[in-house]
């Protein structure tokens, strides 16, 4: 769970083009402590989530939504007006969400490994 949250925080941080140093400074943390959070190596408190969300200008739910499985998808409709089987649709969306979360986690671990080898 910490790794998923860390990967999500990293993605959001990169989207707003902030560095780890900038975020850690605003949190009054060391960059190393913040980096461990993004790697999923430390637990994160709710108050820290709130502070990080403020810094990244997002809602806490935007950080945690990958954990609760919530999404904003609505069913697709076929041209003949019939609804795609909702159970099948939900299953496919869950598979895509899981794949995306694992891809982000893999990329963050891969980047950390390459950074450490340099």
C-alpha atoms as a PDB file:
ATOM      1  CA  UNK A   1       0.000   0.000   0.000  1.00  0.00           C
ATOM      2  CA  UNK A   2       2.785   2.456   0.837  1.00  0.00           C
ATOM      3  CA  UNK A   3       4.406   1.765  -2.528  1.00  0.00           C
ATOM      4  CA  UNK A   4       1.156   2.508  -4.377  1.00  0.00           C
ATOM      5  CA  UNK A   5       0.642   5.756  -2.442  1.00  0.00           C
ATOM      6  CA  UNK A   6       4.264   6.742  -2.984  1.00  0.00           C
ATOM      7  CA  UNK A   7       4.046   6.080  -6.719  1.00  0.00           C
ATOM      8  CA  UNK A   8       0.816   8.084  -6.930  1.00  0.00           C
ATOM      9  CA  UNK A   9       2.367  11.014  -5.028  1.00  0.00           C
ATOM     10  CA  UNK A  10       5.400  10.918  -7.302  1.00  0.00           C
ATOM     11  CA  UNK A  11       3.205  10.957 -10.419  1.00  0.00           C
ATOM     12  CA  UNK A  12       1.204  13.915  -9.118  1.00  0.00           C
ATOM     13  CA  UNK A  13       4.381  15.761  -8.110  1.00  0.00           C
ATOM     14  CA  UNK A  14       5.870  15.281 -11.560  1.00  0.00           C
ATOM     15  CA  UNK A  15       2.639  16.486 -13.194  1.00  0.00           C
ATOM     16  CA  UNK A  16       2.953  19.838 -11.411  1.00  0.00           C
ATOM     17  CA  UNK A  17       6.687  19.924 -12.197  1.00  0.00           C
ATOM     18  CA  UNK A  18       7.941  20.086  -8.623  1.00  0.00           C
ATOM     19  CA  UNK A  19      11.152  18.444  -7.480  1.00  0.00           C
ATOM     20  CA  UNK A  20      11.536  16.278  -4.414  1.00  0.00           C
ATOM     21  CA  UNK A  21      13.601  19.058  -2.903  1.00  0.00           C
ATOM     22  CA  UNK A  22      10.836  21.620  -3.378  1.00  0.00           C
ATOM     23  CA  UNK A  23       8.172  19.401  -1.814  1.00  0.00           C
ATOM     24  CA  UNK A  24      10.387  18.275   1.057  1.00  0.00           C
ATOM     25  CA  UNK A  25      11.289  21.895   1.828  1.00  0.00           C
ATOM     26  CA  UNK A  26       7.599  22.865   2.015  1.00  0.00           C
ATOM     27  CA  UNK A  27       7.002  19.908   4.352  1.00  0.00           C
ATOM     28  CA  UNK A  28      10.056  20.810   6.475  1.00  0.00           C
ATOM     29  CA  UNK A  29      11.444  17.333   5.777  1.00  0.00           C
ATOM     30  CA  UNK A  30      14.767  16.209   4.412  1.00  0.00           C
ATOM     31  CA  UNK A  31      14.791  15.233   0.772  1.00  0.00           C
ATOM     32  CA  UNK A  32      15.855  11.725   1.803  1.00  0.00           C
ATOM     33  CA  UNK A  33      12.804  11.299   4.043  1.00  0.00           C
ATOM     34  CA  UNK A  34      10.526  12.479   1.254  1.00  0.00           C
ATOM     35  CA  UNK A  35      12.254  10.185  -1.262  1.00  0.00           C
ATOM     36  CA  UNK A  36      11.660   7.213   1.064  1.00  0.00           C
ATOM     37  CA  UNK A  37       7.972   8.146   1.152  1.00  0.00           C
ATOM     38  CA  UNK A  38       7.759   8.115  -2.658  1.00  0.00           C
ATOM     39  CA  UNK A  39       9.553   4.752  -2.714  1.00  0.00           C
ATOM     40  CA  UNK A  40       7.000   3.340  -0.275  1.00  0.00           C
ATOM     41  CA  UNK A  41       9.602   2.670   2.389  1.00  0.00           C
ATOM     42  CA  UNK A  42       7.854   4.598   5.168  1.00  0.00           C
ATOM     43  CA  UNK A  43       4.305   4.848   6.447  1.00  0.00           C
ATOM     44  CA  UNK A  44       2.444   8.040   5.708  1.00  0.00           C
ATOM     45  CA  UNK A  45       0.099   9.714   8.150  1.00  0.00           C
ATOM     46  CA  UNK A  46      -3.161  11.316   7.157  1.00  0.00           C
ATOM     47  CA  UNK A  47      -1.866  14.736   8.187  1.00  0.00           C
ATOM     48  CA  UNK A  48       1.121  14.259   5.864  1.00  0.00           C
ATOM     49  CA  UNK A  49      -1.247  13.252   3.049  1.00  0.00           C
ATOM     50  CA  UNK A  50      -3.251  16.437   3.652  1.00  0.00           C
ATOM     51  CA  UNK A  51      -0.095  18.578   3.574  1.00  0.00           C
ATOM     52  CA  UNK A  52       1.209  16.902   0.416  1.00  0.00           C
ATOM     53  CA  UNK A  53      -2.184  17.303  -1.266  1.00  0.00           C
ATOM     54  CA  UNK A  54      -2.113  21.047  -0.484  1.00  0.00           C
ATOM     55  CA  UNK A  55       1.403  21.393  -1.891  1.00  0.00           C
ATOM     56  CA  UNK A  56       0.450  19.502  -5.064  1.00  0.00           C
ATOM     57  CA  UNK A  57      -2.856  21.412  -5.288  1.00  0.00           C
ATOM     58  CA  UNK A  58      -4.949  18.235  -5.379  1.00  0.00           C
ATOM     59  CA  UNK A  59      -7.528  16.627  -3.118  1.00  0.00           C
ATOM     60  CA  UNK A  60      -6.454  13.852  -0.764  1.00  0.00           C
ATOM     61  CA  UNK A  61      -8.852  11.614  -2.700  1.00  0.00           C
ATOM     62  CA  UNK A  62      -6.752  12.200  -5.820  1.00  0.00           C
ATOM     63  CA  UNK A  63      -3.849  10.568  -4.001  1.00  0.00           C
ATOM     64  CA  UNK A  64      -5.761   7.717  -2.378  1.00  0.00           C
ATOM     65  CA  UNK A  65      -8.193   6.841  -5.175  1.00  0.00           C
ATOM     66  CA  UNK A  66      -5.876   4.129  -6.474  1.00  0.00           C
ATOM     67  CA  UNK A  67      -6.306   2.335  -3.126  1.00  0.00           C
ATOM     68  CA  UNK A  68     -10.075   2.388  -2.871  1.00  0.00           C
ATOM     69  CA  UNK A  69     -10.749   1.368  -6.465  1.00  0.00           C
ATOM     70  CA  UNK A  70     -13.004   4.340  -7.129  1.00  0.00           C
ATOM     71  CA  UNK A  71     -13.166   5.688 -10.617  1.00  0.00           C
ATOM     72  CA  UNK A  72     -15.147   8.131 -12.649  1.00  0.00           C
ATOM     73  CA  UNK A  73     -16.042   5.857 -15.539  1.00  0.00           C
ATOM     74  CA  UNK A  74     -19.535   5.661 -16.926  1.00  0.00           C
ATOM     75  CA  UNK A  75     -20.809   2.734 -18.986  1.00  0.00           C
ATOM     76  CA  UNK A  76     -20.343   2.796 -22.740  1.00  0.00           C
ATOM     77  CA  UNK A  77     -23.329   2.308 -25.010  1.00  0.00           C
ATOM     78  CA  UNK A  78     -23.403   0.429 -28.279  1.00  0.00           C
ATOM     79  CA  UNK A  79     -24.763   2.029 -31.395  1.00  0.00           C
ATOM     80  CA  UNK A  80     -27.922  -0.086 -31.153  1.00  0.00           C
ATOM     81  CA  UNK A  81     -28.635   1.385 -27.713  1.00  0.00           C
ATOM     82  CA  UNK A  82     -27.930  -1.714 -25.647  1.00  0.00           C
ATOM     83  CA  UNK A  83     -25.650  -1.354 -22.644  1.00  0.00           C
ATOM     84  CA  UNK A  84     -22.438  -3.340 -22.544  1.00  0.00           C
ATOM     85  CA  UNK A  85     -22.731  -5.947 -19.784  1.00  0.00           C
ATOM     86  CA  UNK A  86     -21.926  -3.934 -16.672  1.00  0.00           C
ATOM     87  CA  UNK A  87     -20.173  -6.801 -14.884  1.00  0.00           C
ATOM     88  CA  UNK A  88     -17.857  -7.348 -17.851  1.00  0.00           C
ATOM     89  CA  UNK A  89     -17.248  -3.641 -18.189  1.00  0.00           C
ATOM     90  CA  UNK A  90     -16.357  -3.243 -14.503  1.00  0.00           C
ATOM     91  CA  UNK A  91     -14.005  -6.241 -14.691  1.00  0.00           C
ATOM     92  CA  UNK A  92     -12.149  -4.752 -17.654  1.00  0.00           C
ATOM     93  CA  UNK A  93     -11.865  -1.363 -15.927  1.00  0.00           C
ATOM     94  CA  UNK A  94     -10.480  -3.038 -12.785  1.00  0.00           C
ATOM     95  CA  UNK A  95      -7.914  -4.858 -14.913  1.00  0.00           C
ATOM     96  CA  UNK A  96      -6.878  -1.622 -16.624  1.00  0.00           C
ATOM     97  CA  UNK A  97      -6.639   0.239 -13.287  1.00  0.00           C
ATOM     98  CA  UNK A  98      -4.528  -2.545 -11.789  1.00  0.00           C
ATOM     99  CA  UNK A  99      -2.269  -2.626 -14.839  1.00  0.00           C
ATOM    100  CA  UNK A 100      -1.817   1.148 -14.743  1.00  0.00           C
ATOM    101  CA  UNK A 101      -0.992   1.156 -11.013  1.00  0.00           C
ATOM    102  CA  UNK A 102       1.528  -1.651 -11.468  1.00  0.00           C
ATOM    103  CA  UNK A 103       3.057   0.110 -14.476  1.00  0.00           C
ATOM    104  CA  UNK A 104       3.538   3.316 -12.470  1.00  0.00           C
ATOM    105  CA  UNK A 105       4.982   1.389  -9.551  1.00  0.00           C
ATOM    106  CA  UNK A 106       7.327  -0.542 -11.861  1.00  0.00           C
ATOM    107  CA  UNK A 107       8.496   2.664 -13.539  1.00  0.00           C
ATOM    108  CA  UNK A 108       9.137   4.375 -10.208  1.00  0.00           C
ATOM    109  CA  UNK A 109      11.137   1.385  -8.911  1.00  0.00           C
ATOM    110  CA  UNK A 110      13.002   1.124 -12.208  1.00  0.00           C
ATOM    111  CA  UNK A 111      13.913   4.832 -12.036  1.00  0.00           C
ATOM    112  CA  UNK A 112      15.033   4.517  -8.408  1.00  0.00           C
ATOM    113  CA  UNK A 113      17.230   1.548  -9.306  1.00  0.00           C
ATOM    114  CA  UNK A 114      18.817   3.422 -12.215  1.00  0.00           C
ATOM    115  CA  UNK A 115      19.340   6.526 -10.027  1.00  0.00           C
ATOM    116  CA  UNK A 116      21.071   4.445  -7.379  1.00  0.00           C
ATOM    117  CA  UNK A 117      23.387   2.810  -9.928  1.00  0.00           C
ATOM    118  CA  UNK A 118      24.649   6.161 -11.210  1.00  0.00           C
END
